[in-house]
Amino acid sequence: MYPLRSIQFFAELVHAPIQHPPAHLQRTHGKLFENEAARYVNFQLVQGGAQLSNPVQPPGSTQQQGAVSGAWILPDRVRVQEQLTGVSREDFERRLDAFARIVLAELALPGFLASQFVVQSLVSPRVANSAIELVGRSMLSLQADDLSHFERPPLLLGVRMTFPTAPVDEGQFHSRIESMQRDPKTIFIENVGVFRSKIDEASLGRVVAQFVQTYDWVQEQLVGYVGRVENRSAP
């Protein structure tokens, strides 16, 4: 198994449009702040809703560019994002579960109509000298001169795949496996899980279950595919 380094977790839960009074948003932030798993320090009103965030730069350290720890309460959806913050899968699951339960209760939402989750992770080849070599040779079966038609070699290569829903895994998955321009030795993997099932208060546990399906598709299916094709083409 390749060591998996996740760099972004994202969740979006869609609900019927509603107007959020500022007082309700502030009360919701207060409830979130009281919950250690879903705590957000900063609160700001935005058009039709609120933006919540946490500082991502520990005292005395250098902030990683692009780091985000935030949540958004919007007129027709809520979002939770952890990007380049080092948060674990388990911590994100606890944050997502607490956030969904508190928002549903405090804003009197009847439930969620659909959801989308994004997991972005990085792995490094074990045999290939670079990610672009692994993608080109092992995944696309390119020969040495196949790209000679172009006047310059590509900086990135990748594959995209869409997987339909299944009886057990209810999500539709849109997956990417690509090389990275800024780090030639690293493979970028993304999976977007789209779920169109309704979730109410009684079935709120399905929110985390759907995120788990999205994450497991990366860890078990996509990373497994990378390993199979690299081992198959190894000298």
Protein backbone atom coordinates (compact mmCIF):
# COMPACT_ATOMS: atom_id res chain seq x y z
CA MET A 1 0.00 0.00 0.00
CA TYR A 2 1.28 3.48 -0.89
CA PRO A 3 1.44 6.00 1.98
CA LEU A 4 -1.48 8.38 1.43
CA ARG A 5 -1.12 12.09 2.24
CA SER A 6 -4.47 13.84 2.16
CA ILE A 7 -4.33 17.57 1.46
CA GLN A 8 -8.00 18.53 1.29
CA PHE A 9 -11.33 17.39 2.69
CA PHE A 10 -14.46 19.23 1.53
CA ALA A 11 -18.16 18.69 2.14
CA GLU A 12 -21.18 20.48 0.68
CA LEU A 13 -24.70 19.76 1.92
CA VAL A 14 -27.56 21.22 -0.14
CA HIS A 15 -30.92 22.14 1.38
CA ALA A 16 -34.08 23.99 0.36
CA PRO A 17 -33.48 27.78 0.07
CA ILE A 18 -34.02 29.72 3.29
CA GLN A 19 -33.37 33.25 4.54
CA HIS A 20 -31.05 33.23 7.54
CA PRO A 21 -31.64 36.05 10.06
CA PRO A 22 -28.25 37.31 11.32
CA ALA A 23 -29.25 36.49 14.89
CA HIS A 24 -29.78 32.83 13.94
CA LEU A 25 -26.39 32.70 12.26
CA GLN A 26 -24.68 34.21 15.29
CA ARG A 27 -26.47 31.75 17.58
CA THR A 28 -25.36 28.87 15.36
CA HIS A 29 -21.76 30.08 15.51
CA GLY A 30 -22.02 30.20 19.29
CA LYS A 31 -23.20 26.58 19.42
CA LEU A 32 -20.41 25.51 17.07
CA PHE A 33 -17.82 27.34 19.15
CA GLU A 34 -18.98 25.47 22.24
CA ASN A 35 -18.42 22.14 20.48
CA GLU A 36 -14.73 21.21 20.42
CA ALA A 37 -15.10 19.07 17.29
CA ALA A 38 -16.77 21.84 15.25
CA ARG A 39 -15.26 24.97 16.77
CA TYR A 40 -14.66 28.01 14.56
CA VAL A 41 -13.00 31.09 16.03
CA ASN A 42 -13.89 33.71 13.42
CA PHE A 43 -17.38 34.71 12.29
CA GLN A 44 -18.28 37.02 9.42
CA LEU A 45 -21.62 37.79 7.81
CA VAL A 46 -21.62 37.38 4.02
CA GLN A 47 -24.32 37.80 1.38
CA GLY A 48 -27.21 35.63 2.55
CA GLY A 49 -25.24 33.79 5.21
CA ALA A 50 -22.02 33.56 7.18
CA GLN A 51 -18.40 32.50 6.82
CA LEU A 52 -16.65 30.77 9.70
CA SER A 53 -12.93 30.13 9.94
CA ASN A 54 -10.03 29.14 12.14
CA PRO A 55 -6.50 30.52 12.16
CA VAL A 56 -4.26 28.16 10.19
CA GLN A 57 -0.91 29.59 11.28
CA PRO A 58 0.32 28.36 14.66
CA PRO A 59 2.32 30.97 16.63
CA GLY A 60 5.92 31.14 15.47
CA SER A 61 5.41 29.00 12.37
CA THR A 62 5.22 29.69 8.66
CA GLN A 63 1.73 29.39 7.21
CA GLN A 64 1.42 26.93 4.36
CA GLN A 65 0.22 28.77 1.28
CA GLY A 66 -3.40 28.03 0.47
CA ALA A 67 -4.28 26.58 3.88
CA VAL A 68 -7.98 26.87 4.78
CA SER A 69 -9.97 25.80 7.80
CA GLY A 70 -13.45 27.12 7.20
CA ALA A 71 -17.18 26.64 6.86
CA TRP A 72 -19.90 28.53 5.04
CA ILE A 73 -23.60 28.82 5.81
CA LEU A 74 -25.34 29.95 2.63
CA PRO A 75 -29.02 30.36 1.64
CA ASP A 76 -29.24 26.92 0.00
CA ARG A 77 -26.24 24.95 1.29
CA VAL A 78 -23.53 24.61 3.89
CA ARG A 79 -19.86 23.82 3.28
CA VAL A 80 -17.00 22.54 5.40
CA GLN A 81 -13.39 22.65 4.17
CA GLU A 82 -10.02 21.65 5.57
CA GLN A 83 -7.21 22.27 3.09
CA LEU A 84 -3.51 21.89 3.88
CA THR A 85 -4.22 22.07 7.62
CA GLY A 86 -2.99 18.56 8.46
CA VAL A 87 -6.36 17.55 9.94
CA SER A 88 -6.85 13.79 10.02
CA ARG A 89 -9.66 11.93 8.35
CA GLU A 90 -11.11 11.03 11.74
CA ASP A 91 -11.04 14.64 12.97
CA PHE A 92 -12.74 15.84 9.79
CA GLU A 93 -15.45 13.21 10.22
CA ARG A 94 -16.09 14.40 13.78
CA ARG A 95 -16.15 18.03 12.63
CA LEU A 96 -18.52 17.28 9.76
CA ASP A 97 -20.90 15.27 11.95
CA ALA A 98 -21.07 17.92 14.68
CA PHE A 99 -21.40 20.74 12.16
CA ALA A 100 -24.28 19.06 10.30
CA ARG A 101 -26.19 18.28 13.49
CA ILE A 102 -25.80 21.76 14.98
CA VAL A 103 -26.67 23.58 11.74
CA LEU A 104 -29.73 21.41 11.14
CA ALA A 105 -31.03 22.04 14.67
CA GLU A 106 -30.18 25.73 15.09
CA LEU A 107 -31.36 26.86 11.65
CA ALA A 108 -34.49 24.65 11.74
CA LEU A 109 -33.67 22.97 8.45
CA PRO A 110 -35.92 20.00 7.59
CA GLY A 111 -32.96 18.14 6.12
CA PHE A 112 -30.47 17.98 3.27
CA LEU A 113 -31.49 17.23 -0.31
CA ALA A 114 -28.11 16.24 -1.77
CA SER A 115 -24.44 16.26 -0.85
CA GLN A 116 -21.01 16.39 -2.41
CA PHE A 117 -17.64 15.49 -0.95
CA VAL A 118 -14.09 16.03 -2.20
CA VAL A 119 -10.98 14.16 -1.08
CA GLN A 120 -7.61 15.20 -2.50
CA SER A 121 -4.51 13.16 -1.69
CA LEU A 122 -0.92 12.62 -2.78
CA VAL A 123 1.12 9.46 -3.29
CA SER A 124 4.65 8.85 -4.58
CA PRO A 125 5.63 6.23 -7.18
CA ARG A 126 7.66 3.28 -5.91
CA VAL A 127 9.23 2.14 -9.18
CA ALA A 128 8.80 4.91 -11.75
CA ASN A 129 11.30 7.78 -11.74
CA SER A 130 8.50 10.36 -11.90
CA ALA A 131 4.76 10.64 -11.72
CA ILE A 132 4.52 11.65 -15.37
CA GLU A 133 6.41 8.49 -16.31
CA LEU A 134 4.04 6.35 -14.25
CA VAL A 135 0.94 7.96 -15.75
CA GLY A 136 2.28 7.92 -19.31
CA ARG A 137 3.82 4.45 -19.36
CA SER A 138 1.69 2.50 -16.88
CA MET A 139 -1.76 4.11 -17.20
CA LEU A 140 -1.83 5.40 -20.77
CA SER A 141 0.56 2.80 -22.29
CA LEU A 142 2.45 5.51 -24.17
CA GLN A 143 5.56 4.51 -26.09
CA ALA A 144 8.72 6.58 -25.98
CA ASP A 145 7.96 8.42 -29.21
CA ASP A 146 4.18 8.73 -28.88
CA LEU A 147 4.42 12.35 -27.76
CA SER A 148 7.09 13.32 -30.30
CA HIS A 149 4.38 14.83 -32.50
CA PHE A 150 4.16 17.75 -30.10
CA GLU A 151 6.76 20.48 -30.35
CA ARG A 152 7.40 20.26 -26.60
CA PRO A 153 6.82 17.58 -23.97
CA PRO A 154 3.79 17.90 -21.66
CA LEU A 155 4.22 19.17 -18.13
CA LEU A 156 1.21 17.19 -16.87
CA LEU A 157 -0.44 13.89 -17.74
CA GLY A 158 -3.48 12.33 -16.16
CA VAL A 159 -6.62 10.25 -16.41
CA ARG A 160 -10.20 11.05 -15.45
CA MET A 161 -12.85 8.47 -14.68
CA THR A 162 -16.51 8.60 -13.66
CA PHE A 163 -18.06 5.70 -11.77
CA PRO A 164 -21.84 5.23 -11.53
CA THR A 165 -23.81 4.56 -8.39
CA ALA A 166 -23.92 1.01 -7.07
CA PRO A 167 -26.34 -0.89 -4.78
CA VAL A 168 -23.97 -0.64 -1.80
CA ASP A 169 -22.06 2.59 -2.49
CA GLU A 170 -24.80 5.07 -3.33
CA GLY A 171 -22.47 7.79 -4.57
CA GLN A 172 -21.40 8.64 -8.07
CA PHE A 173 -17.64 9.19 -8.14
CA HIS A 174 -15.65 11.51 -10.40
CA SER A 175 -11.95 10.70 -10.07
CA ARG A 176 -8.68 12.20 -11.27
CA ILE A 177 -5.16 10.78 -11.18
CA GLU A 178 -2.54 13.22 -12.44
CA SER A 179 1.10 14.16 -12.26
CA MET A 180 1.99 17.46 -10.57
CA GLN A 181 3.96 20.24 -12.22
CA ARG A 182 5.43 21.60 -9.01
CA ASP A 183 6.43 18.17 -7.71
CA PRO A 184 7.37 15.71 -10.48
CA LYS A 185 7.76 12.83 -8.01
CA THR A 186 4.20 13.06 -6.67
CA ILE A 187 0.88 11.78 -7.99
CA PHE A 188 -2.23 13.87 -7.30
CA ILE A 189 -5.45 11.92 -6.66
CA GLU A 190 -8.89 13.48 -6.35
CA ASN A 191 -12.28 11.90 -5.82
CA VAL A 192 -15.56 13.79 -5.87
CA GLY A 193 -18.51 11.89 -4.44
CA VAL A 194 -21.99 13.07 -5.44
CA PHE A 195 -24.99 11.78 -3.46
CA ARG A 196 -28.58 12.63 -4.35
CA SER A 197 -30.35 11.00 -1.40
CA LYS A 198 -32.28 13.06 1.16
CA ILE A 199 -31.06 13.14 4.75
CA ASP A 200 -33.15 14.24 7.72
CA GLU A 201 -32.50 14.41 11.45
CA ALA A 202 -33.13 10.70 11.89
CA SER A 203 -30.60 9.73 9.21
CA LEU A 204 -27.87 12.33 9.85
CA GLY A 205 -25.30 9.60 10.35
CA ARG A 206 -25.36 9.09 6.59
CA VAL A 207 -23.50 12.38 6.09
CA VAL A 208 -20.30 10.94 7.55
CA ALA A 209 -21.00 7.56 5.92
CA GLN A 210 -21.07 9.26 2.51
CA PHE A 211 -17.79 11.05 3.19
CA VAL A 212 -16.30 7.71 4.23
CA GLN A 213 -17.39 6.17 0.92
CA THR A 214 -15.69 9.03 -0.93
CA TYR A 215 -12.48 8.66 1.06
CA ASP A 216 -12.42 4.87 0.85
CA TRP A 217 -12.70 5.07 -2.95
CA VAL A 218 -9.40 6.95 -2.92
CA GLN A 219 -7.65 4.71 -0.41
CA GLU A 220 -8.88 1.35 -1.64
CA GLN A 221 -9.76 1.76 -5.31
CA LEU A 222 -7.68 4.59 -6.80
CA VAL A 223 -4.49 3.98 -4.84
CA GLY A 224 -4.91 0.26 -5.50
CA TYR A 225 -5.18 0.98 -9.21
CA VAL A 226 -1.96 3.02 -9.12
CA GLY A 227 -0.18 0.11 -7.47
CA ARG A 228 -1.49 -2.48 -9.92
CA VAL A 229 -0.51 -0.60 -13.05
CA GLU A 230 2.91 0.39 -11.69
CA ASN A 231 3.76 -3.15 -10.61
CA ARG A 232 2.55 -4.54 -13.93
CA SER A 233 4.87 -2.31 -15.93
CA ALA A 234 7.86 -2.61 -13.61
CA PRO A 235 10.95 -4.09 -15.28
